[in-house]
Amino acid sequence: MARTLVRYLSEYGIDTVFGIPGLYNMPLFEAIRESRLRVVTVRHEQGAAFMADGYARATGRPAAVVTLPGCGVLNAMTALSEAHADSSPVLLLSSQVPVEHIDHNDGLLHELTGQFAVVDAVMKHSERLYRGEDTTAVVRRALKALGRGRPRPVQIEIPLDIQDVEVSAPDLCGVTWQARAAAEPSAEDAGVLGEALAELSAAERPLIIAGGGVVAAGASAALTRVAERLGAPVLTTGMGVGVIPGDHPLACGVSWIASADITDLIAASDAVLAIGTRFNQGMTNGWNVPLPRTTLRVDIDPEEIERNIAVKYRVVGDAGVVLERVGAWLVDRSVDRRAQVEPRLAEAQRAYRAAQHARVGTTRPWFDALRAALPEDGIIAADMSLFWGDMLGSFPVRAPRRILFPWGMGTLGFGVPSAIGAKIGVRDRAVVSIAGDGAFQFTGSELGTAVQERLALPFIVANNNAYGMIKMQQLARYGHDVAVDLPAPDFTALATAYGARGVRVERPEDLAGELKAAFAADGPTVIEIPWGDTFAGRE
């Protein structure tokens, strides 16, 4: 069935597979070798899943991950958990021991009792192939799940003995990523939408909160049109960064765990349209935001729409479909404030933007150099770090899918492999990885993958010889730190050892030139920034 499965992936629209071959997935890799699929050999399964996630976030299309049982799939779990938390479509092809040994604890190599249930915890949909003749039905259900509703990882678990079974291969009956259907609101929800819009359009100070659901729906233009007609500033979540151009007069910036406090901005509004957002802890100050009575929440996930914060109006549906309906409703009723924001709300918007920009501080010269060197359509794949955290709220982003960041789990090690996955997906665009020295050492071995793939990809390492964000928090809370200092390797020498370029940049004014050289190189470049003044004034 391995050849049939691989053919189905190609028909569906998947063209790239990340993984490592081994005893229990050799038939799969042999089928991939014979196909048009591109296979990227990684250094660690965690890197494979992060790369698939980065590929999906940058391109809007899913990639596949192939793992071994037991240790292999567990290695990938951290990255799959991040993809699950951030609603990223990744297809996991997890191999398994032969059917007769599954969950028997017989002592086979790589055997993990209960593997399916462990992995299913971070899957939107999981199925195991017990018989070759079920291949078409199982794959069809899995790929439909991958392309419908809220994007999240999907698993097909394939025992070794099933991979070698020859099966007939009918077509997928039009199941493709491009043909995925948008979720229309039910008749009941359509009625709720009408009631909510009557209140929303009558509000004096409407505010929009937009999340990753708008990105997934490709609805940035529709969102901007609605905001302009309502005269509503737009606050984005992390996954929604870029859904309205960062320099648009209605853009507020991003709300996340280390950004400015959104309380005053929310309090200044008298109506909120929240669309495609989870209302998670980080963006809501622990769910303590003073949402106005007139709040309409729109989400594609019927479970998510009931979670965390109670609101007056709830509509289940695709963000793009709902925004088009909202826009048409406003046009029909000639609601058009021509992007004019009510003065009190406009002042709160300005104050929030100013608070975000104030965080940049000593990082500003590096911020400016990065923006000067990065092409307008360039992509940043960043790890959790003080260096990038300072920039995050105010870095100019004019379109979605240009900032990749571990918003949901806050996973260290995301930046390096997600940048590789993104660059493989969009080779004609500039991609840059940003990580602290601690985060880089989580997954820096994937530099070997970037060398192997000859990716013109700069890896910025902001080196403060510590787990800097935790050190800052310890200093603030206790006046001292513990267990966070990291004597770092020579990152430029490490780059050279892998066959990459390695440079050290001491001054911000030299960064732009090194980045431009890295974008034009015939392989990756590690750019170390010795960032010794990280903690100055932070104690």
Protein backbone atom coordinates (compact mmCIF):
# COMPACT_ATOMS: atom_id res chain seq x y z
CA MET A 1 0.00 0.00 0.00
CA ALA A 2 3.00 2.33 0.31
CA ARG A 3 2.96 3.18 -3.41
CA THR A 4 -0.78 3.83 -3.30
CA LEU A 5 -0.42 6.11 -0.29
CA VAL A 6 2.38 8.09 -1.90
CA ARG A 7 0.37 8.49 -5.10
CA TYR A 8 -2.56 9.80 -3.07
CA LEU A 9 -0.35 12.37 -1.35
CA SER A 10 0.74 13.72 -4.73
CA GLU A 11 -2.83 13.83 -6.02
CA TYR A 12 -3.91 15.67 -2.89
CA GLY A 13 -1.29 18.37 -3.33
CA ILE A 14 1.48 17.37 -0.93
CA ASP A 15 4.88 17.61 -2.58
CA THR A 16 7.39 17.49 0.31
CA VAL A 17 8.14 14.89 3.00
CA PHE A 18 10.46 15.39 5.98
CA GLY A 19 11.85 12.46 7.93
CA ILE A 20 14.44 9.77 8.60
CA PRO A 21 14.31 6.25 7.11
CA GLY A 22 14.62 3.19 9.32
CA LEU A 23 13.61 -0.40 9.83
CA TYR A 24 9.86 0.23 10.08
CA ASN A 25 9.35 2.74 7.28
CA MET A 26 11.65 1.48 4.53
CA PRO A 27 8.77 0.52 2.19
CA LEU A 28 7.38 4.04 2.55
CA PHE A 29 10.71 5.62 1.67
CA GLU A 30 11.14 3.27 -1.28
CA ALA A 31 7.74 4.38 -2.59
CA ILE A 32 8.70 8.02 -2.05
CA ARG A 33 11.94 7.44 -3.98
CA GLU A 34 9.92 6.21 -6.96
CA SER A 35 7.52 9.18 -6.81
CA ARG A 36 7.57 12.91 -7.54
CA LEU A 37 7.61 13.75 -3.85
CA ARG A 38 10.61 15.61 -2.52
CA VAL A 39 12.15 14.00 0.55
CA VAL A 40 14.22 16.05 3.02
CA THR A 41 16.44 13.98 5.31
CA VAL A 42 16.70 15.60 8.74
CA ARG A 43 18.99 15.17 11.73
CA HIS A 44 16.24 14.57 14.29
CA GLU A 45 12.52 13.82 14.04
CA GLN A 46 11.73 16.94 16.06
CA GLY A 47 13.35 18.90 13.26
CA ALA A 48 11.25 17.05 10.68
CA ALA A 49 7.96 18.06 12.30
CA PHE A 50 9.12 21.65 12.91
CA MET A 51 10.14 21.85 9.23
CA ALA A 52 6.76 20.59 8.08
CA ASP A 53 5.12 23.16 10.36
CA GLY A 54 7.31 25.97 8.99
CA TYR A 55 6.57 24.85 5.44
CA ALA A 56 2.82 24.92 6.13
CA ARG A 57 2.88 28.32 7.83
CA ALA A 58 4.91 29.92 5.04
CA THR A 59 3.09 28.39 2.08
CA GLY A 60 -0.42 27.74 3.36
CA ARG A 61 -0.06 24.13 2.15
CA PRO A 62 0.58 20.98 4.20
CA ALA A 63 3.73 18.89 4.18
CA ALA A 64 4.22 15.36 5.48
CA VAL A 65 6.40 13.90 8.23
CA VAL A 66 7.50 10.25 8.25
CA THR A 67 8.62 8.81 11.60
CA LEU A 68 9.70 5.52 13.06
CA PRO A 69 7.67 3.99 15.89
CA GLY A 70 8.41 4.68 19.53
CA CYS A 71 11.49 6.86 19.85
CA GLY A 72 10.98 8.38 16.40
CA VAL A 73 7.42 9.55 16.86
CA LEU A 74 8.12 10.66 20.43
CA ASN A 75 11.00 12.77 19.15
CA ALA A 76 8.53 14.50 16.84
CA MET A 77 5.88 15.05 19.53
CA THR A 78 7.18 18.41 20.75
CA ALA A 79 6.95 19.93 17.29
CA LEU A 80 3.62 18.24 16.58
CA SER A 81 2.30 19.72 19.83
CA GLU A 82 3.31 23.18 18.64
CA ALA A 83 1.58 22.62 15.30
CA HIS A 84 -1.53 21.51 17.17
CA ALA A 85 -1.48 24.56 19.48
CA ASP A 86 -0.97 26.96 16.57
CA SER A 87 -3.45 25.32 14.18
CA SER A 88 -0.94 24.27 11.54
CA PRO A 89 -1.78 21.51 9.00
CA VAL A 90 0.85 18.75 9.16
CA LEU A 91 0.34 15.18 7.95
CA LEU A 92 2.07 12.60 10.15
CA LEU A 93 2.82 9.20 8.64
CA SER A 94 3.83 7.26 11.72
CA SER A 95 5.16 3.79 11.10
CA GLN A 96 4.39 0.99 13.54
CA VAL A 97 5.54 -2.52 14.42
CA PRO A 98 3.74 -5.38 12.60
CA VAL A 99 0.03 -5.65 13.37
CA GLU A 100 0.27 -8.83 15.46
CA HIS A 101 2.68 -7.10 17.91
CA ILE A 102 0.96 -3.74 18.37
CA ASP A 103 0.44 -2.93 22.07
CA HIS A 104 1.56 -6.43 23.14
CA ASN A 105 4.80 -5.27 24.79
CA ASP A 106 6.69 -8.10 23.10
CA GLY A 107 10.06 -6.35 23.25
CA LEU A 108 10.43 -5.36 19.60
CA LEU A 109 12.87 -2.66 18.58
CA HIS A 110 11.24 0.80 18.85
CA GLU A 111 8.05 -0.72 20.25
CA LEU A 112 5.88 1.69 22.28
CA THR A 113 2.80 0.30 23.95
CA GLY A 114 -0.09 2.73 23.55
CA GLN A 115 1.67 4.70 20.83
CA PHE A 116 -1.53 5.53 18.93
CA ALA A 117 -3.21 7.10 21.97
CA VAL A 118 -0.09 9.07 22.90
CA VAL A 119 0.19 10.66 19.48
CA ASP A 120 -3.56 11.13 19.09
CA ALA A 121 -3.47 13.62 21.98
CA VAL A 122 -2.05 16.26 19.60
CA MET A 123 -3.91 15.19 16.46
CA LYS A 124 -7.09 16.51 14.92
CA HIS A 125 -7.73 13.08 13.40
CA SER A 126 -5.94 9.72 13.69
CA GLU A 127 -6.38 6.37 11.99
CA ARG A 128 -4.44 3.14 11.92
CA LEU A 129 -4.26 1.02 8.79
CA TYR A 130 -4.96 -2.58 9.82
CA ARG A 131 -5.53 -3.95 6.29
CA GLY A 132 -4.14 -2.97 2.92
CA GLU A 133 -7.59 -2.98 1.32
CA ASP A 134 -8.64 -0.15 3.65
CA THR A 135 -5.96 2.18 2.29
CA THR A 136 -8.18 4.30 0.06
CA ALA A 137 -10.90 4.82 2.67
CA VAL A 138 -8.48 5.61 5.51
CA VAL A 139 -6.34 7.99 3.46
CA ARG A 140 -9.41 9.73 2.03
CA ARG A 141 -10.82 10.35 5.54
CA ALA A 142 -7.48 11.59 6.82
CA LEU A 143 -6.90 13.99 3.96
CA LYS A 144 -10.45 15.31 4.18
CA ALA A 145 -9.87 15.99 7.87
CA LEU A 146 -6.59 17.73 7.07
CA GLY A 147 -8.33 20.14 4.72
CA ARG A 148 -11.58 20.81 6.57
CA GLY A 149 -12.36 22.98 9.55
CA ARG A 150 -9.63 24.15 11.86
CA PRO A 151 -6.18 23.25 10.50
CA ARG A 152 -4.28 20.89 12.79
CA PRO A 153 -2.06 17.80 12.47
CA VAL A 154 -3.55 14.54 11.19
CA GLN A 155 -2.05 11.07 11.65
CA ILE A 156 -2.08 7.91 9.58
CA GLU A 157 -0.37 5.09 11.50
CA ILE A 158 0.98 2.33 9.25
CA PRO A 159 2.31 -1.01 10.55
CA LEU A 160 5.37 -2.34 8.76
CA ASP A 161 3.68 -5.44 7.33
CA ILE A 162 0.84 -3.37 5.84
CA GLN A 163 3.27 -1.12 3.96
CA ASP A 164 4.34 -3.99 1.70
CA VAL A 165 0.81 -5.14 0.82
CA GLU A 166 -0.11 -4.52 -2.82
CA VAL A 167 -3.53 -2.88 -3.15
CA SER A 168 -5.72 -1.50 -5.92
CA ALA A 169 -5.70 2.26 -6.19
CA PRO A 170 -8.93 4.02 -7.20
CA ASP A 171 -8.74 7.78 -7.37
CA LEU A 172 -9.47 10.07 -4.42
CA CYS A 173 -12.70 11.42 -5.96
CA GLY A 174 -11.64 15.02 -6.00
CA VAL A 175 -10.15 15.13 -2.50
CA THR A 176 -7.45 17.79 -2.89
CA TRP A 177 -6.05 20.53 -0.68
CA GLN A 178 -7.18 23.14 -3.22
CA ALA A 179 -10.76 21.81 -3.15
CA ARG A 180 -11.25 22.09 0.60
CA ALA A 181 -14.63 23.52 1.48
CA ALA A 182 -15.13 26.59 3.67
CA ALA A 183 -17.51 26.12 6.59
CA GLU A 184 -20.74 28.06 6.10
CA PRO A 185 -22.60 29.27 9.20
CA SER A 186 -25.78 27.34 9.98
CA ALA A 187 -29.15 29.00 9.50
CA GLU A 188 -29.32 29.57 13.25
CA ASP A 189 -25.86 31.15 13.32
CA ALA A 190 -26.76 33.32 10.33
CA GLY A 191 -29.61 34.73 12.39
CA VAL A 192 -27.25 35.39 15.31
CA LEU A 193 -24.86 37.11 12.92
CA GLY A 194 -27.59 39.49 11.77
CA GLU A 195 -28.48 40.44 15.35
CA ALA A 196 -24.85 40.99 16.25
CA LEU A 197 -24.16 43.12 13.18
CA ALA A 198 -27.06 45.42 13.99
CA GLU A 199 -25.42 46.16 17.35
CA LEU A 200 -21.88 46.21 16.00
CA SER A 201 -22.67 48.73 13.25
CA ALA A 202 -24.47 50.99 15.76
CA ALA A 203 -21.52 51.00 18.17
CA GLU A 204 -19.47 54.18 18.48
CA ARG A 205 -16.17 52.52 19.30
CA PRO A 206 -15.97 49.08 17.62
CA LEU A 207 -12.75 47.07 17.84
CA ILE A 208 -11.72 43.98 15.87
CA ILE A 209 -9.55 41.18 17.29
CA ALA A 210 -8.25 38.97 14.46
CA GLY A 211 -6.41 35.69 14.74
CA GLY A 212 -4.95 32.85 12.72
CA GLY A 213 -8.35 31.81 11.44
CA VAL A 214 -8.30 34.87 9.18
CA VAL A 215 -4.89 33.83 7.84
CA ALA A 216 -6.00 30.24 7.23
CA ALA A 217 -9.05 31.51 5.34
CA GLY A 218 -7.00 33.87 3.18
CA ALA A 219 -9.30 36.65 4.31
CA SER A 220 -6.94 39.55 5.01
CA ALA A 221 -8.44 41.79 2.33
CA ALA A 222 -11.99 41.10 3.51
CA LEU A 223 -10.98 41.86 7.09
CA THR A 224 -9.41 45.19 6.12
CA ARG A 225 -12.49 46.22 4.16
CA VAL A 226 -14.75 45.47 7.13
CA ALA A 227 -12.46 47.36 9.51
CA GLU A 228 -12.43 50.42 7.24
CA ARG A 229 -16.22 50.48 6.93
CA LEU A 230 -16.68 50.16 10.68
CA GLY A 231 -13.86 52.54 11.56
CA ALA A 232 -12.60 49.73 13.82
CA PRO A 233 -8.95 49.39 14.87
CA VAL A 234 -7.61 45.86 14.47
CA LEU A 235 -5.70 44.09 17.24
CA THR A 236 -4.16 40.81 16.09
CA THR A 237 -3.14 37.71 17.95
CA GLY A 238 0.28 36.26 17.26
CA MET A 239 -1.02 33.87 14.62
CA GLY A 240 -2.92 36.78 13.04
CA VAL A 241 0.10 39.03 12.54
CA GLY A 242 -0.08 40.68 9.12
CA VAL A 243 -3.81 40.15 8.48
CA ILE A 244 -3.95 43.94 8.30
CA PRO A 245 -0.79 45.72 7.12
CA GLY A 246 1.23 46.85 10.13
CA ASP A 247 1.44 50.40 8.76
CA HIS A 248 -2.32 50.67 8.14
CA PRO A 249 -3.92 53.49 10.19
CA LEU A 250 -6.29 50.96 11.79
CA ALA A 251 -3.57 48.51 12.87
CA CYS A 252 -3.02 48.30 16.63
CA GLY A 253 -0.30 45.67 16.70
CA VAL A 254 -0.09 42.24 18.27
CA SER A 255 -1.26 40.93 21.63
CA TRP A 256 0.79 38.15 23.17
CA ILE A 257 2.22 37.13 26.51
CA ALA A 258 5.10 39.64 26.50
CA SER A 259 3.44 42.53 24.67
CA ALA A 260 1.88 45.69 26.06
CA ASP A 261 -1.25 45.41 28.22
CA ILE A 262 -4.40 45.37 26.09
CA THR A 263 -6.73 46.25 28.99
CA ASP A 264 -7.05 49.97 28.25
CA LEU A 265 -7.52 49.34 24.53
CA ILE A 266 -10.34 46.85 25.14
CA ALA A 267 -11.91 49.07 27.80
CA ALA A 268 -12.06 51.98 25.35
CA SER A 269 -14.25 49.97 22.96
CA ASP A 270 -18.02 49.50 23.19
CA ALA A 271 -18.21 46.54 20.78
CA VAL A 272 -15.77 43.82 19.71
CA LEU A 273 -15.69 41.52 16.69
CA ALA A 274 -13.33 38.65 17.57
CA ILE A 275 -12.69 36.44 14.56
CA GLY A 276 -10.53 33.33 14.23
CA THR A 277 -8.92 33.66 17.65
CA ARG A 278 -8.58 31.29 20.61
CA PHE A 279 -8.72 33.92 23.36
CA ASN A 280 -5.77 32.15 24.96
CA GLN A 281 -4.11 33.08 28.25
CA GLY A 282 -1.22 35.04 26.81
CA MET A 283 -3.23 37.46 24.69
CA THR A 284 -5.93 38.08 27.32
CA ASN A 285 -3.87 38.65 30.48
CA GLY A 286 -5.08 35.36 31.89
CA TRP A 287 -8.61 35.84 30.52
CA ASN A 288 -9.03 39.08 32.45
CA VAL A 289 -9.93 41.43 29.61
CA PRO A 290 -13.00 43.66 30.04
CA LEU A 291 -14.85 42.71 26.86
CA PRO A 292 -17.89 44.89 26.19
CA ARG A 293 -21.39 43.42 26.24
CA THR A 294 -21.61 43.60 22.45
CA THR A 295 -18.98 41.04 21.53
CA LEU A 296 -19.34 38.77 18.50
CA ARG A 297 -17.02 35.77 18.41
CA VAL A 298 -16.54 33.93 15.11
CA ASP A 299 -14.57 30.68 14.91
CA ILE A 300 -14.51 27.63 12.68
CA ASP A 301 -14.11 25.32 15.67
CA PRO A 302 -17.38 24.74 17.58
CA GLU A 303 -15.45 23.57 20.65
CA GLU A 304 -13.17 26.60 20.71
CA ILE A 305 -15.97 29.11 20.43
CA GLU A 306 -17.30 28.14 23.88
CA ARG A 307 -13.91 28.19 25.58
CA ASN A 308 -12.28 30.62 28.03
CA ILE A 309 -14.41 33.78 27.72
CA ALA A 310 -18.20 34.01 27.54
CA VAL A 311 -19.56 36.43 24.94
CA LYS A 312 -23.05 37.52 23.89
CA TYR A 313 -22.90 36.40 20.27
CA ARG A 314 -21.19 33.30 18.85
CA VAL A 315 -21.09 32.20 15.20
CA VAL A 316 -19.42 28.99 14.00
CA GLY A 317 -18.04 29.38 10.50
CA ASP A 318 -15.04 30.02 8.27
CA ALA A 319 -13.54 33.47 8.87
CA GLY A 320 -13.46 34.25 5.16
CA VAL A 321 -17.09 33.31 4.57
CA VAL A 322 -18.28 35.29 7.58
CA LEU A 323 -16.20 38.37 6.74
CA GLU A 324 -17.59 38.42 3.21
CA ARG A 325 -21.09 38.28 4.67
CA VAL A 326 -20.27 41.05 7.14
CA GLY A 327 -18.84 43.19 4.34
CA ALA A 328 -21.92 42.67 2.17
CA TRP A 329 -24.21 43.49 5.10
CA LEU A 330 -22.37 46.77 5.71
CA VAL A 331 -22.46 47.69 2.01
CA ASP A 332 -26.20 46.96 1.75
CA ARG A 333 -26.86 49.30 4.67
CA SER A 334 -24.40 51.97 3.52
CA VAL A 335 -22.34 51.67 6.69
CA ASP A 336 -19.04 53.36 5.86
CA ARG A 337 -17.11 55.43 8.38
CA ARG A 338 -14.20 55.68 5.95
CA ALA A 339 -11.74 54.30 8.51
CA GLN A 340 -12.42 57.14 10.93
CA VAL A 341 -11.91 56.01 14.53
CA GLU A 342 -13.83 57.59 17.39
CA PRO A 343 -11.43 59.90 19.33
CA ARG A 344 -11.41 58.03 22.65
CA LEU A 345 -10.69 54.71 20.94
CA ALA A 346 -8.14 56.33 18.62
CA GLU A 347 -6.24 57.61 21.67
CA ALA A 348 -6.24 54.13 23.22
CA GLN A 349 -4.98 52.72 19.92
CA ARG A 350 -2.11 55.24 19.81
CA ALA A 351 -1.21 54.51 23.43
CA TYR A 352 -1.09 50.75 22.79
CA ARG A 353 1.12 51.18 19.74
CA ALA A 354 3.43 53.52 21.68
CA ALA A 355 3.72 51.01 24.52
CA GLN A 356 4.73 48.28 22.08
CA HIS A 357 7.35 50.46 20.41
CA ALA A 358 8.75 51.46 23.80
CA ARG A 359 9.72 47.83 24.45
CA VAL A 360 12.26 47.83 21.63
CA GLY A 361 14.81 49.87 23.60
CA THR A 362 18.42 48.85 22.97
CA THR A 363 17.27 46.36 20.33
CA ARG A 364 16.15 49.21 18.04
CA PRO A 365 19.38 49.46 15.96
CA TRP A 366 19.28 45.70 15.27
CA PHE A 367 15.56 45.99 14.51
CA ASP A 368 16.23 48.71 11.94
CA ALA A 369 19.08 46.77 10.32
CA LEU A 370 16.94 43.65 10.00
CA ARG A 371 14.06 45.57 8.43
CA ALA A 372 16.45 47.31 6.00
CA ALA A 373 17.96 44.02 4.78
CA LEU A 374 14.84 41.86 4.66
CA PRO A 375 12.88 42.13 1.40
CA GLU A 376 9.25 43.17 1.74
CA ASP A 377 8.02 39.59 1.21
CA GLY A 378 10.72 38.07 3.42
CA ILE A 379 9.89 35.66 6.23
CA ILE A 380 11.20 35.61 9.81
CA ALA A 381 11.15 32.29 11.68
CA ALA A 382 11.90 33.17 15.27
CA ASP A 383 12.39 31.35 18.53
CA MET A 384 11.42 32.54 21.99
CA SER A 385 14.19 35.00 22.90
CA LEU A 386 14.66 38.39 24.52
CA PHE A 387 16.19 39.67 21.30
CA TRP A 388 13.15 38.92 19.14
CA GLY A 389 10.62 39.40 21.94
CA ASP A 390 11.57 43.07 22.16
CA MET A 391 10.90 43.54 18.45
CA LEU A 392 7.79 41.43 18.09
CA GLY A 393 5.11 43.97 18.85
CA SER A 394 6.42 46.70 16.60
CA PHE A 395 8.26 45.01 13.71
CA PRO A 396 6.53 46.19 10.49
CA VAL A 397 4.64 43.27 8.91
CA ARG A 398 2.44 44.07 5.92
CA ALA A 399 1.02 40.65 5.03
CA PRO A 400 0.29 37.33 6.75
CA ARG A 401 2.60 34.29 6.80
CA ARG A 402 5.71 36.44 7.21
CA ILE A 403 6.30 35.88 10.94
CA LEU A 404 6.63 32.27 12.10
CA PHE A 405 6.78 31.90 15.88
CA PRO A 406 5.82 29.26 18.49
CA TRP A 407 2.84 31.21 19.83
CA GLY A 408 0.89 28.36 21.38
CA MET A 409 3.42 26.18 23.22
CA GLY A 410 6.31 28.65 23.30
CA THR A 411 8.61 25.81 22.27
CA LEU A 412 12.36 26.42 22.26
CA GLY A 413 14.03 25.00 19.17
CA PHE A 414 11.32 26.13 16.74
CA GLY A 415 13.30 28.83 14.91
CA VAL A 416 16.03 26.88 13.11
CA PRO A 417 14.01 23.98 11.60
CA SER A 418 10.89 26.05 10.89
CA ALA A 419 13.04 28.45 8.88
CA ILE A 420 14.42 25.49 6.90
CA GLY A 421 10.91 24.23 6.20
CA ALA A 422 9.76 27.69 5.16
CA LYS A 423 12.73 28.19 2.83
CA ILE A 424 12.14 24.82 1.20
CA GLY A 425 8.54 25.85 0.61
CA VAL A 426 9.31 29.32 -0.79
CA ARG A 427 12.81 29.09 -2.25
CA ASP A 428 12.45 32.30 -4.24
CA ARG A 429 11.88 34.40 -1.12
CA ALA A 430 14.23 35.49 1.65
CA VAL A 431 13.88 33.65 4.97
CA VAL A 432 15.82 34.36 8.15
CA SER A 433 15.98 32.42 11.41
CA ILE A 434 16.33 34.25 14.73
CA ALA A 435 17.18 32.44 17.96
CA GLY A 436 18.92 33.01 21.23
CA ASP A 437 21.98 30.91 21.99
CA GLY A 438 19.94 28.60 24.22
CA ALA A 439 17.20 27.96 21.68
CA PHE A 440 19.70 27.50 18.84
CA GLN A 441 21.36 24.68 20.74
CA PHE A 442 18.04 22.80 20.93
CA THR A 443 17.89 22.16 17.18
CA GLY A 444 21.09 23.67 15.76
CA SER A 445 22.11 20.29 14.38
CA GLU A 446 19.59 20.91 11.60
CA LEU A 447 22.18 23.30 10.20
CA GLY A 448 23.40 20.11 8.53
CA THR A 449 20.05 19.81 6.75
CA ALA A 450 20.32 23.40 5.51
CA VAL A 451 23.82 22.69 4.19
CA GLN A 452 22.65 19.49 2.51
CA GLU A 453 19.77 21.36 0.84
CA ARG A 454 22.07 24.30 -0.11
CA LEU A 455 19.68 26.85 1.36
CA ALA A 456 20.64 30.52 1.22
CA LEU A 457 19.42 30.92 4.76
CA PRO A 458 20.87 33.15 7.50
CA PHE A 459 20.62 31.97 11.11
CA ILE A 460 20.94 34.89 13.53
CA VAL A 461 22.11 33.76 16.98
CA ALA A 462 21.72 36.46 19.64
CA ASN A 463 24.22 35.18 22.18
CA ASN A 464 23.91 36.30 25.80
CA ASN A 465 25.30 33.04 27.21
CA ALA A 466 22.07 32.28 29.03
CA TYR A 467 18.47 31.22 28.84
CA GLY A 468 17.90 34.93 28.72
CA MET A 469 14.15 35.27 29.09
CA ILE A 470 14.11 33.08 32.20
CA LYS A 471 17.16 34.85 33.60
CA MET A 472 15.39 38.20 33.23
CA GLN A 473 12.32 36.86 35.03
CA GLN A 474 14.42 35.41 37.84
CA LEU A 475 16.26 38.70 38.32
CA ALA A 476 12.98 40.59 38.41
CA ARG A 477 11.38 38.22 40.91
CA TYR A 478 14.24 37.19 43.17
CA GLY A 479 17.06 39.65 42.52
CA HIS A 480 19.34 36.82 41.40
CA ASP A 481 19.37 33.96 38.91
CA VAL A 482 19.96 30.22 39.06
CA ALA A 483 20.72 27.45 36.52
CA VAL A 484 20.33 29.68 33.46
CA ASP A 485 23.91 30.57 32.44
CA LEU A 486 25.14 28.81 29.30
CA PRO A 487 28.79 28.82 28.28
CA ALA A 488 28.24 28.86 24.52
CA PRO A 489 30.26 27.22 21.76
CA ASP A 490 32.00 29.25 19.09
CA PHE A 491 29.03 29.51 16.76
CA THR A 492 31.11 30.65 13.79
CA ALA A 493 33.41 27.65 14.17
CA LEU A 494 30.37 25.39 14.54
CA ALA A 495 29.01 26.75 11.27
CA THR A 496 32.31 26.07 9.53
CA ALA A 497 32.36 22.52 10.88
CA TYR A 498 29.01 21.89 9.20
CA GLY A 499 30.19 23.39 5.91
CA ALA A 500 28.29 26.66 6.35
CA ARG A 501 29.53 30.24 6.59
CA GLY A 502 29.99 31.69 10.05
CA VAL A 503 30.38 35.38 10.90
CA ARG A 504 30.28 37.45 14.06
CA VAL A 505 28.62 40.87 13.91
CA GLU A 506 29.56 43.23 16.73
CA ARG A 507 27.67 46.31 15.54
CA PRO A 508 24.10 46.75 14.29
CA GLU A 509 25.29 48.81 11.33
CA ASP A 510 27.10 45.73 9.98
CA LEU A 511 24.12 43.38 10.19
CA ALA A 512 22.28 44.50 7.04
CA GLY A 513 25.31 43.84 4.83
CA GLU A 514 25.89 40.38 6.28
CA LEU A 515 22.22 39.48 5.85
CA LYS A 516 22.23 40.56 2.21
CA ALA A 517 25.35 38.48 1.60
CA ALA A 518 23.69 35.49 3.30
CA PHE A 519 20.57 35.82 1.14
CA ALA A 520 22.81 35.59 -1.96
CA ALA A 521 25.06 32.77 -0.72
CA ASP A 522 25.16 29.18 -1.97
CA GLY A 523 24.30 27.79 1.45
CA PRO A 524 23.46 28.78 5.02
CA THR A 525 25.20 31.41 7.14
CA VAL A 526 25.33 31.60 10.93
CA ILE A 527 25.47 35.22 12.10
CA GLU A 528 26.38 35.47 15.77
CA ILE A 529 25.48 38.66 17.61
CA PRO A 530 27.35 38.87 20.93
CA TRP A 531 24.60 40.52 22.90
CA GLY A 532 26.35 41.18 26.17
CA ASP A 533 24.20 44.09 27.36
CA THR A 534 21.02 42.03 27.29
CA PHE A 535 20.25 42.40 30.97
CA ALA A 536 21.29 46.04 31.40
CA GLY A 537 18.44 47.87 33.09
CA ARG A 538 16.26 44.76 33.26
CA GLU A 539 17.01 43.75 36.85
